[in-house]
Amino acid sequence: MAFKPLHDRVLVRRVESEEKTAGGLIIPDSAKEKPQEGEIVAVGAGSRKDSGELIEMAVNEGDKVLFGKWSGTEITLDGEELLIMKESDILGVIA
């Protein structure tokens, strides 16, 4: 895939959600919510201060992250559904 986000944007692949609950009940596709967890596929260079100085990104490719329910823009690249979002939409990195 040849896609590089610009500025402070990241490209995220959603992590598949669980098919069963903790109690063992199977969740049908119609009842599943889209996961709010994903893996960073690509990152931009970062944003710039008013002085022109580059502010580096706090996340890197391969990081697992949590993001808001309505964050990002859904796109399809090479048949794969991905999200483009600003770094500020990311709530945190999962260690």
PDB file of N, CA and C in Angstrom:
ATOM      1  N   MET A   1       0.853  -1.168   0.000  1.00  0.00           N
ATOM      2  CA  MET A   1       0.000   0.000   0.000  1.00  0.00           C
ATOM      3  C   MET A   1       0.899   1.232   0.000  1.00  0.00           C
ATOM      4  N   ALA A   2       0.645   2.141  -0.876  1.00  0.00           N
ATOM      5  CA  ALA A   2       1.457   3.343  -0.999  1.00  0.00           C
ATOM      6  C   ALA A   2       0.639   4.554  -0.558  1.00  0.00           C
ATOM      7  N   PHE A   3       0.484   4.731   0.744  1.00  0.00           N
ATOM      8  CA  PHE A   3      -0.274   5.862   1.267  1.00  0.00           C
ATOM      9  C   PHE A   3       0.476   6.432   2.452  1.00  0.00           C
ATOM     10  N   LYS A   4       0.754   7.729   2.420  1.00  0.00           N
ATOM     11  CA  LYS A   4       1.445   8.408   3.516  1.00  0.00           C
ATOM     12  C   LYS A   4       0.571   9.566   3.981  1.00  0.00           C
ATOM     13  N   PRO A   5       0.065   9.519   5.238  1.00  0.00           N
ATOM     14  CA  PRO A   5      -0.739  10.631   5.743  1.00  0.00           C
ATOM     15  C   PRO A   5       0.090  11.910   5.841  1.00  0.00           C
ATOM     16  N   LEU A   6      -0.568  13.032   5.716  1.00  0.00           N
ATOM     17  CA  LEU A   6       0.109  14.326   5.822  1.00  0.00           C
ATOM     18  C   LEU A   6      -0.038  14.912   7.214  1.00  0.00           C
ATOM     19  N   HIS A   7       0.910  15.748   7.573  1.00  0.00           N
ATOM     20  CA  HIS A   7       0.910  16.525   8.806  1.00  0.00           C
ATOM     21  C   HIS A   7       0.713  15.650  10.043  1.00  0.00           C
ATOM     22  N   ASP A   8      -0.321  15.932  10.848  1.00  0.00           N
ATOM     23  CA  ASP A   8      -0.503  15.207  12.115  1.00  0.00           C
ATOM     24  C   ASP A   8      -1.582  14.127  12.002  1.00  0.00           C
ATOM     25  N   ARG A   9      -1.708  13.531  10.825  1.00  0.00           N
ATOM     26  CA  ARG A   9      -2.711  12.484  10.635  1.00  0.00           C
ATOM     27  C   ARG A   9      -2.067  11.100  10.679  1.00  0.00           C
ATOM     28  N   VAL A  10      -2.886  10.099  11.048  1.00  0.00           N
ATOM     29  CA  VAL A  10      -2.422   8.712  11.107  1.00  0.00           C
ATOM     30  C   VAL A  10      -3.416   7.824  10.357  1.00  0.00           C
ATOM     31  N   LEU A  11      -2.926   6.706   9.876  1.00  0.00           N
ATOM     32  CA  LEU A  11      -3.751   5.699   9.216  1.00  0.00           C
ATOM     33  C   LEU A  11      -3.855   4.524  10.170  1.00  0.00           C
ATOM     34  N   VAL A  12      -5.094   4.117  10.510  1.00  0.00           N
ATOM     35  CA  VAL A  12      -5.330   3.109  11.539  1.00  0.00           C
ATOM     36  C   VAL A  12      -6.140   1.943  10.977  1.00  0.00           C
ATOM     37  N   ARG A  13      -5.723   0.728  11.334  1.00  0.00           N
ATOM     38  CA  ARG A  13      -6.476  -0.485  11.006  1.00  0.00           C
ATOM     39  C   ARG A  13      -7.193  -0.922  12.280  1.00  0.00           C
ATOM     40  N   ARG A  14      -8.519  -1.050  12.210  1.00  0.00           N
ATOM     41  CA  ARG A  14      -9.282  -1.490  13.382  1.00  0.00           C
ATOM     42  C   ARG A  14      -8.901  -2.917  13.755  1.00  0.00           C
ATOM     43  N   VAL A  15      -8.877  -3.193  15.059  1.00  0.00           N
ATOM     44  CA  VAL A  15      -8.655  -4.538  15.561  1.00  0.00           C
ATOM     45  C   VAL A  15     -10.006  -5.225  15.633  1.00  0.00           C
ATOM     46  N   GLU A  16     -10.081  -6.467  15.195  1.00  0.00           N
ATOM     47  CA  GLU A  16     -11.348  -7.201  15.213  1.00  0.00           C
ATOM     48  C   GLU A  16     -11.844  -7.378  16.640  1.00  0.00           C
ATOM     49  N   SER A  17     -13.144  -7.213  16.837  1.00  0.00           N
ATOM     50  CA  SER A  17     -13.730  -7.347  18.170  1.00  0.00           C
ATOM     51  C   SER A  17     -14.009  -8.812  18.491  1.00  0.00           C
ATOM     52  N   GLU A  18     -14.245  -9.076  19.757  1.00  0.00           N
ATOM     53  CA  GLU A  18     -14.514 -10.431  20.225  1.00  0.00           C
ATOM     54  C   GLU A  18     -15.842 -10.946  19.672  1.00  0.00           C
ATOM     55  N   GLU A  19     -15.899 -12.229  19.369  1.00  0.00           N
ATOM     56  CA  GLU A  19     -17.118 -12.860  18.861  1.00  0.00           C
ATOM     57  C   GLU A  19     -18.000 -13.367  19.998  1.00  0.00           C
ATOM     58  N   LYS A  20     -17.414 -13.510  21.195  1.00  0.00           N
ATOM     59  CA  LYS A  20     -18.151 -14.018  22.351  1.00  0.00           C
ATOM     60  C   LYS A  20     -18.008 -13.067  23.524  1.00  0.00           C
ATOM     61  N   THR A  21     -18.988 -13.089  24.404  1.00  0.00           N
ATOM     62  CA  THR A  21     -18.911 -12.321  25.643  1.00  0.00           C
ATOM     63  C   THR A  21     -18.103 -13.122  26.656  1.00  0.00           C
ATOM     64  N   ALA A  22     -17.810 -12.518  27.795  1.00  0.00           N
ATOM     65  CA  ALA A  22     -17.072 -13.205  28.847  1.00  0.00           C
ATOM     66  C   ALA A  22     -17.843 -14.426  29.348  1.00  0.00           C
ATOM     67  N   GLY A  23     -19.155 -14.372  29.265  1.00  0.00           N
ATOM     68  CA  GLY A  23     -19.998 -15.491  29.700  1.00  0.00           C
ATOM     69  C   GLY A  23     -20.160 -16.579  28.652  1.00  0.00           C
ATOM     70  N   GLY A  24     -19.605 -16.390  27.458  1.00  0.00           N
ATOM     71  CA  GLY A  24     -19.663 -17.408  26.425  1.00  0.00           C
ATOM     72  C   GLY A  24     -20.758 -17.227  25.397  1.00  0.00           C
ATOM     73  N   LEU A  25     -21.535 -16.130  25.487  1.00  0.00           N
ATOM     74  CA  LEU A  25     -22.596 -15.890  24.501  1.00  0.00           C
ATOM     75  C   LEU A  25     -21.979 -15.377  23.198  1.00  0.00           C
ATOM     76  N   ILE A  26     -22.461 -15.871  22.067  1.00  0.00           N
ATOM     77  CA  ILE A  26     -21.969 -15.440  20.765  1.00  0.00           C
ATOM     78  C   ILE A  26     -22.705 -14.160  20.367  1.00  0.00           C
ATOM     79  N   ILE A  27     -21.947 -13.163  19.940  1.00  0.00           N
ATOM     80  CA  ILE A  27     -22.517 -11.871  19.549  1.00  0.00           C
ATOM     81  C   ILE A  27     -22.731 -11.878  18.033  1.00  0.00           C
ATOM     82  N   PRO A  28     -23.972 -11.700  17.567  1.00  0.00           N
ATOM     83  CA  PRO A  28     -24.210 -11.666  16.116  1.00  0.00           C
ATOM     84  C   PRO A  28     -23.636 -10.387  15.502  1.00  0.00           C
ATOM     85  N   ASP A  29     -23.306 -10.425  14.212  1.00  0.00           N
ATOM     86  CA  ASP A  29     -22.720  -9.272  13.531  1.00  0.00           C
ATOM     87  C   ASP A  29     -23.592  -8.031  13.637  1.00  0.00           C
ATOM     88  N   SER A  30     -24.913  -8.205  13.619  1.00  0.00           N
ATOM     89  CA  SER A  30     -25.825  -7.058  13.665  1.00  0.00           C
ATOM     90  C   SER A  30     -25.788  -6.342  15.017  1.00  0.00           C
ATOM     91  N   ALA A  31     -25.321  -7.007  16.068  1.00  0.00           N
ATOM     92  CA  ALA A  31     -25.293  -6.407  17.400  1.00  0.00           C
ATOM     93  C   ALA A  31     -23.912  -5.892  17.786  1.00  0.00           C
ATOM     94  N   LYS A  32     -22.915  -6.169  16.960  1.00  0.00           N
ATOM     95  CA  LYS A  32     -21.551  -5.741  17.288  1.00  0.00           C
ATOM     96  C   LYS A  32     -21.378  -4.257  17.043  1.00  0.00           C
ATOM     97  N   GLU A  33     -20.616  -3.624  17.928  1.00  0.00           N
ATOM     98  CA  GLU A  33     -20.212  -2.244  17.710  1.00  0.00           C
ATOM     99  C   GLU A  33     -18.843  -2.261  17.072  1.00  0.00           C
ATOM    100  N   LYS A  34     -18.540  -1.234  16.296  1.00  0.00           N
ATOM    101  CA  LYS A  34     -17.212  -1.166  15.715  1.00  0.00           C
ATOM    102  C   LYS A  34     -16.201  -0.959  16.832  1.00  0.00           C
ATOM    103  N   PRO A  35     -15.074  -1.663  16.768  1.00  0.00           N
ATOM    104  CA  PRO A  35     -14.085  -1.530  17.837  1.00  0.00           C
ATOM    105  C   PRO A  35     -13.465  -0.142  17.865  1.00  0.00           C
ATOM    106  N   GLN A  36     -13.067   0.281  19.050  1.00  0.00           N
ATOM    107  CA  GLN A  36     -12.420   1.572  19.235  1.00  0.00           C
ATOM    108  C   GLN A  36     -10.933   1.367  19.495  1.00  0.00           C
ATOM    109  N   GLU A  37     -10.435   0.253  19.032  1.00  0.00           N
ATOM    110  CA  GLU A  37      -9.037  -0.088  19.206  1.00  0.00           C
ATOM    111  C   GLU A  37      -8.468  -0.387  17.832  1.00  0.00           C
ATOM    112  N   GLY A  38      -7.223   0.012  17.605  1.00  0.00           N
ATOM    113  CA  GLY A  38      -6.633  -0.241  16.296  1.00  0.00           C
ATOM    114  C   GLY A  38      -5.124  -0.229  16.347  1.00  0.00           C
ATOM    115  N   GLU A  39      -4.546  -0.501  15.190  1.00  0.00           N
ATOM    116  CA  GLU A  39      -3.094  -0.510  15.042  1.00  0.00           C
ATOM    117  C   GLU A  39      -2.709   0.555  14.023  1.00  0.00           C
ATOM    118  N   ILE A  40      -1.692   1.339  14.350  1.00  0.00           N
ATOM    119  CA  ILE A  40      -1.220   2.391  13.458  1.00  0.00           C
ATOM    120  C   ILE A  40      -0.519   1.740  12.266  1.00  0.00           C
ATOM    121  N   VAL A  41      -0.968   2.083  11.052  1.00  0.00           N
ATOM    122  CA  VAL A  41      -0.385   1.550   9.824  1.00  0.00           C
ATOM    123  C   VAL A  41       0.635   2.530   9.259  1.00  0.00           C
ATOM    124  N   ALA A  42       0.341   3.827   9.312  1.00  0.00           N
ATOM    125  CA  ALA A  42       1.242   4.857   8.792  1.00  0.00           C
ATOM    126  C   ALA A  42       1.013   6.152   9.554  1.00  0.00           C
ATOM    127  N   VAL A  43       2.060   6.966   9.676  1.00  0.00           N
ATOM    128  CA  VAL A  43       1.960   8.258  10.368  1.00  0.00           C
ATOM    129  C   VAL A  43       2.523   9.362   9.479  1.00  0.00           C
ATOM    130  N   GLY A  44       1.986  10.556   9.657  1.00  0.00           N
ATOM    131  CA  GLY A  44       2.513  11.721   8.958  1.00  0.00           C
ATOM    132  C   GLY A  44       3.760  12.242   9.649  1.00  0.00           C
ATOM    133  N   ALA A  45       4.330  13.306   9.127  1.00  0.00           N
ATOM    134  CA  ALA A  45       5.567  13.874   9.669  1.00  0.00           C
ATOM    135  C   ALA A  45       5.335  14.619  10.979  1.00  0.00           C
ATOM    136  N   GLY A  46       4.130  15.131  11.197  1.00  0.00           N
ATOM    137  CA  GLY A  46       3.820  15.903  12.394  1.00  0.00           C
ATOM    138  C   GLY A  46       3.328  17.286  12.026  1.00  0.00           C
ATOM    139  N   SER A  47       2.843  18.007  13.016  1.00  0.00           N
ATOM    140  CA  SER A  47       2.348  19.360  12.763  1.00  0.00           C
ATOM    141  C   SER A  47       3.483  20.360  12.958  1.00  0.00           C
ATOM    142  N   ARG A  48       3.212  21.597  12.635  1.00  0.00           N
ATOM    143  CA  ARG A  48       4.235  22.649  12.755  1.00  0.00           C
ATOM    144  C   ARG A  48       3.749  23.762  13.673  1.00  0.00           C
ATOM    145  N   LYS A  49       4.680  24.302  14.445  1.00  0.00           N
ATOM    146  CA  LYS A  49       4.402  25.468  15.283  1.00  0.00           C
ATOM    147  C   LYS A  49       4.314  26.691  14.385  1.00  0.00           C
ATOM    148  N   ASP A  50       3.867  27.808  14.941  1.00  0.00           N
ATOM    149  CA  ASP A  50       3.796  29.052  14.174  1.00  0.00           C
ATOM    150  C   ASP A  50       5.172  29.470  13.656  1.00  0.00           C
ATOM    151  N   SER A  51       6.213  29.090  14.383  1.00  0.00           N
ATOM    152  CA  SER A  51       7.577  29.435  13.979  1.00  0.00           C
ATOM    153  C   SER A  51       8.079  28.542  12.844  1.00  0.00           C
ATOM    154  N   GLY A  52       7.339  27.485  12.511  1.00  0.00           N
ATOM    155  CA  GLY A  52       7.746  26.570  11.451  1.00  0.00           C
ATOM    156  C   GLY A  52       8.446  25.327  11.965  1.00  0.00           C
ATOM    157  N   GLU A  53       8.708  25.290  13.263  1.00  0.00           N
ATOM    158  CA  GLU A  53       9.381  24.132  13.860  1.00  0.00           C
ATOM    159  C   GLU A  53       8.441  22.923  13.863  1.00  0.00           C
ATOM    160  N   LEU A  54       8.977  21.748  13.495  1.00  0.00           N
ATOM    161  CA  LEU A  54       8.195  20.520  13.406  1.00  0.00           C
ATOM    162  C   LEU A  54       7.947  19.928  14.792  1.00  0.00           C
ATOM    163  N   ILE A  55       6.687  19.576  15.071  1.00  0.00           N
ATOM    164  CA  ILE A  55       6.323  18.877  16.301  1.00  0.00           C
ATOM    165  C   ILE A  55       6.180  17.409  15.928  1.00  0.00           C
ATOM    166  N   GLU A  56       7.088  16.564  16.424  1.00  0.00           N
ATOM    167  CA  GLU A  56       7.079  15.148  16.065  1.00  0.00           C
ATOM    168  C   GLU A  56       5.845  14.444  16.614  1.00  0.00           C
ATOM    169  N   MET A  57       5.474  13.359  15.939  1.00  0.00           N
ATOM    170  CA  MET A  57       4.324  12.563  16.355  1.00  0.00           C
ATOM    171  C   MET A  57       4.664  11.760  17.605  1.00  0.00           C
ATOM    172  N   ALA A  58       3.676  11.571  18.469  1.00  0.00           N
ATOM    173  CA  ALA A  58       3.863  10.804  19.703  1.00  0.00           C
ATOM    174  C   ALA A  58       3.608   9.318  19.478  1.00  0.00           C
ATOM    175  N   VAL A  59       3.040   8.951  18.319  1.00  0.00           N
ATOM    176  CA  VAL A  59       2.765   7.544  18.000  1.00  0.00           C
ATOM    177  C   VAL A  59       3.615   7.120  16.812  1.00  0.00           C
ATOM    178  N   ASN A  60       3.833   5.811  16.712  1.00  0.00           N
ATOM    179  CA  ASN A  60       4.640   5.250  15.625  1.00  0.00           C
ATOM    180  C   ASN A  60       3.877   4.122  14.947  1.00  0.00           C
ATOM    181  N   GLU A  61       4.330   3.725  13.768  1.00  0.00           N
ATOM    182  CA  GLU A  61       3.737   2.589  13.075  1.00  0.00           C
ATOM    183  C   GLU A  61       3.839   1.360  13.964  1.00  0.00           C
ATOM    184  N   GLY A  62       2.759   0.579  14.016  1.00  0.00           N
ATOM    185  CA  GLY A  62       2.741  -0.639  14.819  1.00  0.00           C
ATOM    186  C   GLY A  62       2.180  -0.457  16.216  1.00  0.00           C
ATOM    187  N   ASP A  63       2.026   0.793  16.697  1.00  0.00           N
ATOM    188  CA  ASP A  63       1.448   1.040  18.027  1.00  0.00           C
ATOM    189  C   ASP A  63      -0.021   0.634  18.040  1.00  0.00           C
ATOM    190  N   LYS A  64      -0.464   0.041  19.152  1.00  0.00           N
ATOM    191  CA  LYS A  64      -1.891  -0.252  19.346  1.00  0.00           C
ATOM    192  C   LYS A  64      -2.478   0.913  20.122  1.00  0.00           C
ATOM    193  N   VAL A  65      -3.591   1.452  19.633  1.00  0.00           N
ATOM    194  CA  VAL A  65      -4.154   2.669  20.208  1.00  0.00           C
ATOM    195  C   VAL A  65      -5.646   2.530  20.458  1.00  0.00           C
ATOM    196  N   LEU A  66      -6.149   3.384  21.354  1.00  0.00           N
ATOM    197  CA  LEU A  66      -7.583   3.552  21.581  1.00  0.00           C
ATOM    198  C   LEU A  66      -7.983   4.905  21.023  1.00  0.00           C
ATOM    199  N   PHE A  67      -9.159   4.966  20.401  1.00  0.00           N
ATOM    200  CA  PHE A  67      -9.634   6.232  19.844  1.00  0.00           C
ATOM    201  C   PHE A  67     -11.115   6.367  20.105  1.00  0.00           C
ATOM    202  N   GLY A  68     -11.632   7.569  19.944  1.00  0.00           N
ATOM    203  CA  GLY A  68     -13.032   7.856  20.195  1.00  0.00           C
ATOM    204  C   GLY A  68     -13.956   7.126  19.231  1.00  0.00           C
ATOM    205  N   LYS A  69     -15.178   6.897  19.657  1.00  0.00           N
ATOM    206  CA  LYS A  69     -16.161   6.147  18.885  1.00  0.00           C
ATOM    207  C   LYS A  69     -16.421   6.767  17.510  1.00  0.00           C
ATOM    208  N   TRP A  70     -16.445   8.071  17.417  1.00  0.00           N
ATOM    209  CA  TRP A  70     -16.772   8.749  16.163  1.00  0.00           C
ATOM    210  C   TRP A  70     -15.544   9.379  15.519  1.00  0.00           C
ATOM    211  N   SER A  71     -14.362   8.923  15.873  1.00  0.00           N
ATOM    212  CA  SER A  71     -13.123   9.507  15.354  1.00  0.00           C
ATOM    213  C   SER A  71     -12.809   9.015  13.948  1.00  0.00           C
ATOM    214  N   GLY A  72     -12.180   9.874  13.199  1.00  0.00           N
ATOM    215  CA  GLY A  72     -11.624   9.495  11.908  1.00  0.00           C
ATOM    216  C   GLY A  72     -12.609   9.441  10.757  1.00  0.00           C
ATOM    217  N   THR A  73     -12.032   9.233   9.576  1.00  0.00           N
ATOM    218  CA  THR A  73     -12.773   9.097   8.336  1.00  0.00           C
ATOM    219  C   THR A  73     -12.484   7.717   7.777  1.00  0.00           C
ATOM    220  N   GLU A  74     -13.534   6.953   7.507  1.00  0.00           N
ATOM    221  CA  GLU A  74     -13.356   5.601   6.981  1.00  0.00           C
ATOM    222  C   GLU A  74     -13.033   5.659   5.497  1.00  0.00           C
ATOM    223  N   ILE A  75     -11.993   4.900   5.096  1.00  0.00           N
ATOM    224  CA  ILE A  75     -11.610   4.808   3.693  1.00  0.00           C
ATOM    225  C   ILE A  75     -11.342   3.339   3.363  1.00  0.00           C
ATOM    226  N   THR A  76     -11.292   3.019   2.088  1.00  0.00           N
ATOM    227  CA  THR A  76     -10.929   1.682   1.637  1.00  0.00           C
ATOM    228  C   THR A  76      -9.710   1.801   0.738  1.00  0.00           C
ATOM    229  N   LEU A  77      -8.620   1.130   1.125  1.00  0.00           N
ATOM    230  CA  LEU A  77      -7.396   1.097   0.333  1.00  0.00           C
ATOM    231  C   LEU A  77      -7.052  -0.354   0.047  1.00  0.00           C
ATOM    232  N   ASP A  78      -6.870  -0.686  -1.203  1.00  0.00           N
ATOM    233  CA  ASP A  78      -6.534  -2.053  -1.606  1.00  0.00           C
ATOM    234  C   ASP A  78      -7.509  -3.069  -1.022  1.00  0.00           C
ATOM    235  N   GLY A  79      -8.797  -2.709  -0.953  1.00  0.00           N
ATOM    236  CA  GLY A  79      -9.825  -3.613  -0.454  1.00  0.00           C
ATOM    237  C   GLY A  79      -9.887  -3.737   1.055  1.00  0.00           C
ATOM    238  N   GLU A  80      -9.099  -2.965   1.782  1.00  0.00           N
ATOM    239  CA  GLU A  80      -9.070  -3.022   3.244  1.00  0.00           C
ATOM    240  C   GLU A  80      -9.667  -1.737   3.816  1.00  0.00           C
ATOM    241  N   GLU A  81     -10.558  -1.881   4.814  1.00  0.00           N
ATOM    242  CA  GLU A  81     -11.165  -0.712   5.441  1.00  0.00           C
ATOM    243  C   GLU A  81     -10.230  -0.165   6.514  1.00  0.00           C
ATOM    244  N   LEU A  82      -9.898   1.119   6.400  1.00  0.00           N
ATOM    245  CA  LEU A  82      -8.989   1.787   7.327  1.00  0.00           C
ATOM    246  C   LEU A  82      -9.592   3.111   7.764  1.00  0.00           C
ATOM    247  N   LEU A  83      -8.972   3.736   8.760  1.00  0.00           N
ATOM    248  CA  LEU A  83      -9.393   5.049   9.256  1.00  0.00           C
ATOM    249  C   LEU A  83      -8.247   6.038   9.126  1.00  0.00           C
ATOM    250  N   ILE A  84      -8.568   7.251   8.703  1.00  0.00           N
ATOM    251  CA  ILE A  84      -7.604   8.353   8.761  1.00  0.00           C
ATOM    252  C   ILE A  84      -8.103   9.275   9.857  1.00  0.00           C
ATOM    253  N   MET A  85      -7.218   9.604  10.802  1.00  0.00           N
ATOM    254  CA  MET A  85      -7.612  10.504  11.890  1.00  0.00           C
ATOM    255  C   MET A  85      -6.438  11.371  12.303  1.00  0.00           C
ATOM    256  N   LYS A  86      -6.751  12.443  12.988  1.00  0.00           N
ATOM    257  CA  LYS A  86      -5.710  13.298  13.553  1.00  0.00           C
ATOM    258  C   LYS A  86      -5.132  12.637  14.792  1.00  0.00           C
ATOM    259  N   GLU A  87      -3.891  12.946  15.062  1.00  0.00           N
ATOM    260  CA  GLU A  87      -3.247  12.378  16.248  1.00  0.00           C
ATOM    261  C   GLU A  87      -4.012  12.759  17.510  1.00  0.00           C
ATOM    262  N   SER A  88      -4.624  13.921  17.543  1.00  0.00           N
ATOM    263  CA  SER A  88      -5.365  14.371  18.725  1.00  0.00           C
ATOM    264  C   SER A  88      -6.626  13.551  18.986  1.00  0.00           C
ATOM    265  N   ASP A  89      -7.107  12.781  17.989  1.00  0.00           N
ATOM    266  CA  ASP A  89      -8.269  11.917  18.166  1.00  0.00           C
ATOM    267  C   ASP A  89      -7.915  10.636  18.916  1.00  0.00           C
ATOM    268  N   ILE A  90      -6.622  10.341  19.026  1.00  0.00           N
ATOM    269  CA  ILE A  90      -6.169   9.134  19.721  1.00  0.00           C
ATOM    270  C   ILE A  90      -6.188   9.405  21.224  1.00  0.00           C
ATOM    271  N   LEU A  91      -6.849   8.514  21.962  1.00  0.00           N
ATOM    272  CA  LEU A  91      -6.976   8.686  23.405  1.00  0.00           C
ATOM    273  C   LEU A  91      -5.765   8.165  24.161  1.00  0.00           C
ATOM    274  N   GLY A  92      -5.106   7.137  23.632  1.00  0.00           N
ATOM    275  CA  GLY A  92      -3.942   6.602  24.306  1.00  0.00           C
ATOM    276  C   GLY A  92      -3.355   5.414  23.563  1.00  0.00           C
ATOM    277  N   VAL A  93      -2.121   5.053  23.952  1.00  0.00           N
ATOM    278  CA  VAL A  93      -1.417   3.913  23.382  1.00  0.00           C
ATOM    279  C   VAL A  93      -1.517   2.753  24.349  1.00  0.00           C
ATOM    280  N   ILE A  94      -1.827   1.564  23.840  1.00  0.00           N
ATOM    281  CA  ILE A  94      -1.938   0.366  24.682  1.00  0.00           C
ATOM    282  C   ILE A  94      -0.557  -0.260  24.769  1.00  0.00           C
ATOM    283  N   ALA A  95      -0.058  -0.429  25.994  1.00  0.00           N
ATOM    284  CA  ALA A  95       1.300  -0.970  26.195  1.00  0.00           C
ATOM    285  C   ALA A  95       1.317  -2.465  26.036  1.00  0.00           C
TER     286      ALA A  95
END
